[in-house]
Structures are given as C-alpha cells and as structure tokens.
C-alpha atoms as a PDB file:
ATOM      1  CA  MET A   1      86.029  42.113 156.712  1.00  0.00           C
ATOM      2  CA  LYS A   2      82.897  43.031 154.815  1.00  0.00           C
ATOM      3  CA  LYS A   3      82.701  46.372 156.692  1.00  0.00           C
ATOM      4  CA  LYS A   4      86.307  47.193 155.800  1.00  0.00           C
ATOM      5  CA  ILE A   5      85.723  46.538 152.096  1.00  0.00           C
ATOM      6  CA  THR A   6      82.529  48.594 152.140  1.00  0.00           C
ATOM      7  CA  CYS A   7      84.306  51.404 153.977  1.00  0.00           C
ATOM      8  CA  LEU A   8      87.194  51.294 151.490  1.00  0.00           C
ATOM      9  CA  ILE A   9      84.841  51.426 148.502  1.00  0.00           C
ATOM     10  CA  MET A  10      82.898  54.334 150.035  1.00  0.00           C
ATOM     11  CA  SER A  11      86.160  56.206 150.707  1.00  0.00           C
ATOM     12  CA  LEU A  12      87.291  55.714 147.111  1.00  0.00           C
ATOM     13  CA  MET A  13      83.940  56.930 145.809  1.00  0.00           C
ATOM     14  CA  CYS A  14      84.202  60.068 147.949  1.00  0.00           C
ATOM     15  CA  LEU A  15      87.696  60.755 146.615  1.00  0.00           C
ATOM     16  CA  VAL A  16      86.518  60.350 143.029  1.00  0.00           C
ATOM     17  CA  ILE A  17      83.553  62.659 143.607  1.00  0.00           C
ATOM     18  CA  LEU A  18      85.653  65.289 145.376  1.00  0.00           C
ATOM     19  CA  GLY A  19      88.375  65.035 142.728  1.00  0.00           C
ATOM     20  CA  GLY A  20      85.792  65.776 140.046  1.00  0.00           C
ATOM     21  CA  CYS A  21      84.804  68.994 141.817  1.00  0.00           C
ATOM     22  CA  GLY A  22      88.143  70.661 141.105  1.00  0.00           C
ATOM     23  CA  GLU A  23      88.402  73.870 139.130  1.00  0.00           C
ATOM     24  CA  LYS A  24      87.777  73.338 135.435  1.00  0.00           C
ATOM     25  CA  ALA A  25      89.999  74.937 132.805  1.00  0.00           C
ATOM     26  CA  LYS A  26      88.542  78.130 131.385  1.00  0.00           C
ATOM     27  CA  THR A  27      86.999  77.627 127.962  1.00  0.00           C
ATOM     28  CA  GLU A  28      85.070  80.845 127.369  1.00  0.00           C
ATOM     29  CA  TYR A  29      86.745  84.177 126.638  1.00  0.00           C
ATOM     30  CA  SER A  30      85.773  87.656 125.627  1.00  0.00           C
ATOM     31  CA  ILE A  31      87.648  88.984 122.618  1.00  0.00           C
ATOM     32  CA  GLU A  32      89.501  91.366 124.976  1.00  0.00           C
ATOM     33  CA  GLU A  33      90.867  88.518 127.117  1.00  0.00           C
ATOM     34  CA  PHE A  34      91.708  86.301 124.203  1.00  0.00           C
ATOM     35  CA  SER A  35      93.388  88.954 122.060  1.00  0.00           C
ATOM     36  CA  GLN A  36      95.640  89.847 125.026  1.00  0.00           C
ATOM     37  CA  ILE A  37      96.780  86.207 125.261  1.00  0.00           C
ATOM     38  CA  MET A  38      97.396  86.149 121.519  1.00  0.00           C
ATOM     39  CA  GLU A  39      99.330  89.422 121.702  1.00  0.00           C
ATOM     40  CA  ASP A  40     101.613  87.880 124.366  1.00  0.00           C
ATOM     41  CA  ILE A  41     102.274  84.895 122.111  1.00  0.00           C
ATOM     42  CA  THR A  42     102.982  87.118 119.114  1.00  0.00           C
ATOM     43  CA  ASN A  43     105.428  89.270 121.100  1.00  0.00           C
ATOM     44  CA  GLU A  44     107.292  86.155 122.221  1.00  0.00           C
ATOM     45  CA  CYS A  45     107.582  85.018 118.594  1.00  0.00           C
ATOM     46  CA  VAL A  46     108.841  88.432 117.503  1.00  0.00           C
ATOM     47  CA  ASN A  47     111.467  88.410 120.268  1.00  0.00           C
ATOM     48  CA  GLU A  48     112.528  84.870 119.374  1.00  0.00           C
ATOM     49  CA  PHE A  49     113.075  85.650 115.699  1.00  0.00           C
ATOM     50  CA  LYS A  50     114.070  89.337 115.729  1.00  0.00           C
ATOM     51  CA  ASP A  51     117.741  88.559 114.936  1.00  0.00           C
ATOM     52  CA  VAL A  52     116.978  86.143 112.084  1.00  0.00           C
ATOM     53  CA  THR A  53     117.812  87.639 108.684  1.00  0.00           C
ATOM     54  CA  ASP A  54     115.550  87.307 105.651  1.00  0.00           C
ATOM     55  CA  ASP A  55     118.043  84.891 104.050  1.00  0.00           C
ATOM     56  CA  GLU A  56     118.053  82.706 107.189  1.00  0.00           C
ATOM     57  CA  ARG A  57     114.262  82.747 107.230  1.00  0.00           C
ATOM     58  CA  GLU A  58     114.188  81.578 103.628  1.00  0.00           C
ATOM     59  CA  GLU A  59     116.732  78.805 104.234  1.00  0.00           C
ATOM     60  CA  ASN A  60     115.249  77.577 107.529  1.00  0.00           C
ATOM     61  CA  GLN A  61     111.493  77.889 106.966  1.00  0.00           C
ATOM     62  CA  GLU A  62     110.696  74.449 108.348  1.00  0.00           C
ATOM     63  CA  GLU A  63     112.891  74.923 111.436  1.00  0.00           C
ATOM     64  CA  ILE A  64     111.401  78.368 112.118  1.00  0.00           C
ATOM     65  CA  GLY A  65     107.882  76.977 111.620  1.00  0.00           C
ATOM     66  CA  ASN A  66     108.555  74.241 114.160  1.00  0.00           C
ATOM     67  CA  LYS A  67     110.016  76.733 116.641  1.00  0.00           C
ATOM     68  CA  ARG A  68     106.980  78.994 116.177  1.00  0.00           C
ATOM     69  CA  LYS A  69     104.675  76.046 116.931  1.00  0.00           C
ATOM     70  CA  GLU A  70     106.697  75.308 120.096  1.00  0.00           C
ATOM     71  CA  ILE A  71     106.307  78.912 121.228  1.00  0.00           C
ATOM     72  CA  PHE A  72     102.548  78.852 120.569  1.00  0.00           C
ATOM     73  CA  SER A  73     102.186  75.583 122.467  1.00  0.00           C
ATOM     74  CA  LYS A  74     104.290  76.859 125.409  1.00  0.00           C
ATOM     75  CA  HIS A  75     102.279  80.070 125.708  1.00  0.00           C
ATOM     76  CA  TYR A  76      98.939  78.331 125.278  1.00  0.00           C
ATOM     77  CA  LYS A  77      99.904  76.097 128.232  1.00  0.00           C
ATOM     78  CA  LYS A  78     101.036  79.133 130.239  1.00  0.00           C
ATOM     79  CA  HIS A  79      97.483  80.473 129.872  1.00  0.00           C
ATOM     80  CA  GLY A  80      95.827  77.090 130.515  1.00  0.00           C
ATOM     81  CA  LEU A  81      95.176  76.366 126.820  1.00  0.00           C
ATOM     82  CA  GLU A  82      96.232  73.647 124.389  1.00  0.00           C
ATOM     83  CA  VAL A  83      96.500  73.373 120.610  1.00  0.00           C
ATOM     84  CA  GLY A  84      93.287  71.778 119.366  1.00  0.00           C
ATOM     85  CA  GLN A  85      91.321  72.774 122.474  1.00  0.00           C
ATOM     86  CA  GLU A  86      87.754  73.905 121.932  1.00  0.00           C
ATOM     87  CA  ILE A  87      87.020  77.378 123.243  1.00  0.00           C
ATOM     88  CA  ILE A  88      84.177  79.867 123.010  1.00  0.00           C
ATOM     89  CA  ILE A  89      84.938  83.489 122.147  1.00  0.00           C
ATOM     90  CA  SER A  90      82.514  86.382 122.068  1.00  0.00           C
ATOM     91  CA  GLY A  91      82.958  89.574 120.115  1.00  0.00           C
ATOM     92  CA  TYR A  92      81.638  91.676 117.258  1.00  0.00           C
ATOM     93  CA  TYR A  93      81.330  89.973 113.869  1.00  0.00           C
ATOM     94  CA  GLY A  94      83.341  91.334 110.965  1.00  0.00           C
ATOM     95  CA  SER A  95      82.873  90.024 107.452  1.00  0.00           C
ATOM     96  CA  PHE A  96      85.584  88.862 105.088  1.00  0.00           C
ATOM     97  CA  PRO A  97      85.425  88.434 101.287  1.00  0.00           C
ATOM     98  CA  ASN A  98      85.425  84.641 101.801  1.00  0.00           C
ATOM     99  CA  PRO A  99      82.214  83.812 103.735  1.00  0.00           C
ATOM    100  CA  GLN A 100      83.972  80.874 105.463  1.00  0.00           C
ATOM    101  CA  ILE A 101      86.353  83.310 107.191  1.00  0.00           C
ATOM    102  CA  PHE A 102      85.342  86.006 109.647  1.00  0.00           C
ATOM    103  CA  LEU A 103      86.789  88.420 112.188  1.00  0.00           C
ATOM    104  CA  LEU A 104      85.849  88.877 115.814  1.00  0.00           C
ATOM    105  CA  MET A 105      86.466  92.427 116.988  1.00  0.00           C
ATOM    106  CA  ARG A 106      86.530  94.150 120.389  1.00  0.00           C
ATOM    107  CA  ALA A 107      84.115  96.858 119.343  1.00  0.00           C
ATOM    108  CA  GLU A 108      81.850  97.573 116.412  1.00  0.00           C
ATOM    109  CA  GLY A 109      83.995  98.456 113.413  1.00  0.00           C
ATOM    110  CA  ASP A 110      87.301  98.152 115.344  1.00  0.00           C
ATOM    111  CA  VAL A 111      89.774  96.986 112.695  1.00  0.00           C
ATOM    112  CA  ASN A 112      92.891  97.255 114.852  1.00  0.00           C
ATOM    113  CA  PRO A 113      94.793  93.981 114.136  1.00  0.00           C
ATOM    114  CA  GLU A 114      95.765  93.580 117.801  1.00  0.00           C
ATOM    115  CA  SER A 115      92.150  93.611 118.908  1.00  0.00           C
ATOM    116  CA  MET A 116      90.709  90.955 116.655  1.00  0.00           C
ATOM    117  CA  VAL A 117      90.812  87.235 115.987  1.00  0.00           C
ATOM    118  CA  ALA A 118      90.165  85.518 112.662  1.00  0.00           C
ATOM    119  CA  GLY A 119      88.051  82.398 112.459  1.00  0.00           C
ATOM    120  CA  ARG A 120      87.157  79.771 109.885  1.00  0.00           C
ATOM    121  CA  PHE A 121      83.691  78.264 109.923  1.00  0.00           C
ATOM    122  CA  LYS A 122      83.514  74.468 110.047  1.00  0.00           C
ATOM    123  CA  GLU A 123      80.697  74.366 107.487  1.00  0.00           C
ATOM    124  CA  ASN A 124      78.982  76.769 105.114  1.00  0.00           C
ATOM    125  CA  ILE A 125      76.758  79.063 107.123  1.00  0.00           C
ATOM    126  CA  LYS A 126      73.403  79.683 105.458  1.00  0.00           C
ATOM    127  CA  GLU A 127      72.736  82.937 107.278  1.00  0.00           C
ATOM    128  CA  LEU A 128      75.794  84.919 108.249  1.00  0.00           C
ATOM    129  CA  PRO A 129      75.518  87.330 111.169  1.00  0.00           C
ATOM    130  CA  GLU A 130      75.154  91.033 110.439  1.00  0.00           C
ATOM    131  CA  VAL A 131      78.394  93.019 110.400  1.00  0.00           C
ATOM    132  CA  ASN A 132      79.075  94.416 113.910  1.00  0.00           C
ATOM    133  CA  GLU A 133      76.589  91.981 115.479  1.00  0.00           C
ATOM    134  CA  PHE A 134      77.724  90.607 118.864  1.00  0.00           C
ATOM    135  CA  ILE A 135      78.213  86.823 118.526  1.00  0.00           C
ATOM    136  CA  ARG A 136      79.673  83.823 120.349  1.00  0.00           C
ATOM    137  CA  VAL A 137      81.591  81.189 118.392  1.00  0.00           C
ATOM    138  CA  LYS A 138      83.015  77.846 119.404  1.00  0.00           C
ATOM    139  CA  GLY A 139      86.208  76.761 117.659  1.00  0.00           C
ATOM    140  CA  LYS A 140      89.587  75.098 118.051  1.00  0.00           C
ATOM    141  CA  LEU A 141      92.963  76.689 118.735  1.00  0.00           C
ATOM    142  CA  THR A 142      95.464  76.223 115.919  1.00  0.00           C
ATOM    143  CA  GLU A 143      99.223  76.011 116.013  1.00  0.00           C
ATOM    144  CA  GLU A 144      99.665  77.730 112.671  1.00  0.00           C
ATOM    145  CA  MET A 145      98.837  81.240 113.857  1.00  0.00           C
ATOM    146  CA  PRO A 146      97.752  82.497 117.263  1.00  0.00           C
ATOM    147  CA  PHE A 147      95.059  84.802 115.907  1.00  0.00           C
ATOM    148  CA  VAL A 148      93.193  82.087 113.959  1.00  0.00           C
ATOM    149  CA  ILE A 149      90.472  79.863 115.442  1.00  0.00           C
ATOM    150  CA  ASP A 150      89.530  76.891 113.282  1.00  0.00           C
ATOM    151  CA  GLU A 151      86.414  74.712 112.800  1.00  0.00           C
ATOM    152  CA  CYS A 152      84.127  77.416 114.216  1.00  0.00           C
ATOM    153  CA  GLU A 153      80.419  77.121 114.813  1.00  0.00           C
ATOM    154  CA  LEU A 154      78.043  79.895 115.826  1.00  0.00           C
ATOM    155  CA  GLU A 155      76.961  79.461 119.441  1.00  0.00           C
ATOM    156  CA  SER A 156      74.628  82.434 119.425  1.00  0.00           C
ATOM    157  CA  PRO A 157      74.007  85.381 117.157  1.00  0.00           C
END
C-alpha cells in the first residue's frame, strides 16, 4: 500500500513538472512584429464599422466603443495576447511633446503611423532616451487603442 501511494505521488509530481515545461506564451516582440498585429486589429475595426454613418457613430458611441473593445480582445487572443498582459517591445525611440508619452518606430526617424506604437511611461523618467535610440520597453496592452501600450518602463536603453 505504501509503495502504491509513493508511486502515485511520484507520478503526479512528474506530470506537474512535465506540464510546466510546455511552450510559454510569447511576451517579447520587435516593433515590426507588433505593429503587424496592431495593423490586423485596426483593419478588422475599420471593416466592422465602415458602414456606420457619422450620425450613428455620434448616437451610439458607447455601443461602438464596447464593440471596438470586443474586436481588440478577440484579435489579441488570436495572436496569443490579452488585454492587460505585460509585453516587451523593442524599437527606436521617438519623442513626444509630453515626456510621459513616446513612440516606438521601426527605423530611425520612421514616422509612418502603421510602423509605430505609442507608449505611456508608468512614472516620470529622469533621463529620457535619445531620439532614434534603440530601446526595449515593458508595458501593458490596452483595450482603448491597439497602438497604445500603457504603464511602460524602460528595460534597456
């Protein structure tokens, strides 16, 4: 009886250990990878609301906002992401008039809106990176806009 219990416990421990070795969700992205995901989400939103008139948008702002959040959430999941998930993105730093907000770009000086992501720093940064400096930031995905990463911290300059 004692051998059976010991064998059962050892088997369970092996299952737990092997289960923990599964593939982890991706949490680090280059700006190229991440901006492509965000472009997919944006296109889905445009397709969803292309037939909505300006008057309907004005009247149904809350409903449209909720639908937009659903689309973001659905597409985040499609790409293995979740609203509120912490991710790390690397790219070239672009300044913004408000020092709490920054841009991550694909290449130095690339201001193409489809190739950048905006971020908001979690706290005041004493020393901001140089414009066009390659950086890594850790932040959280938002449901308000797909191209905005919130509560960011510098991982490396």
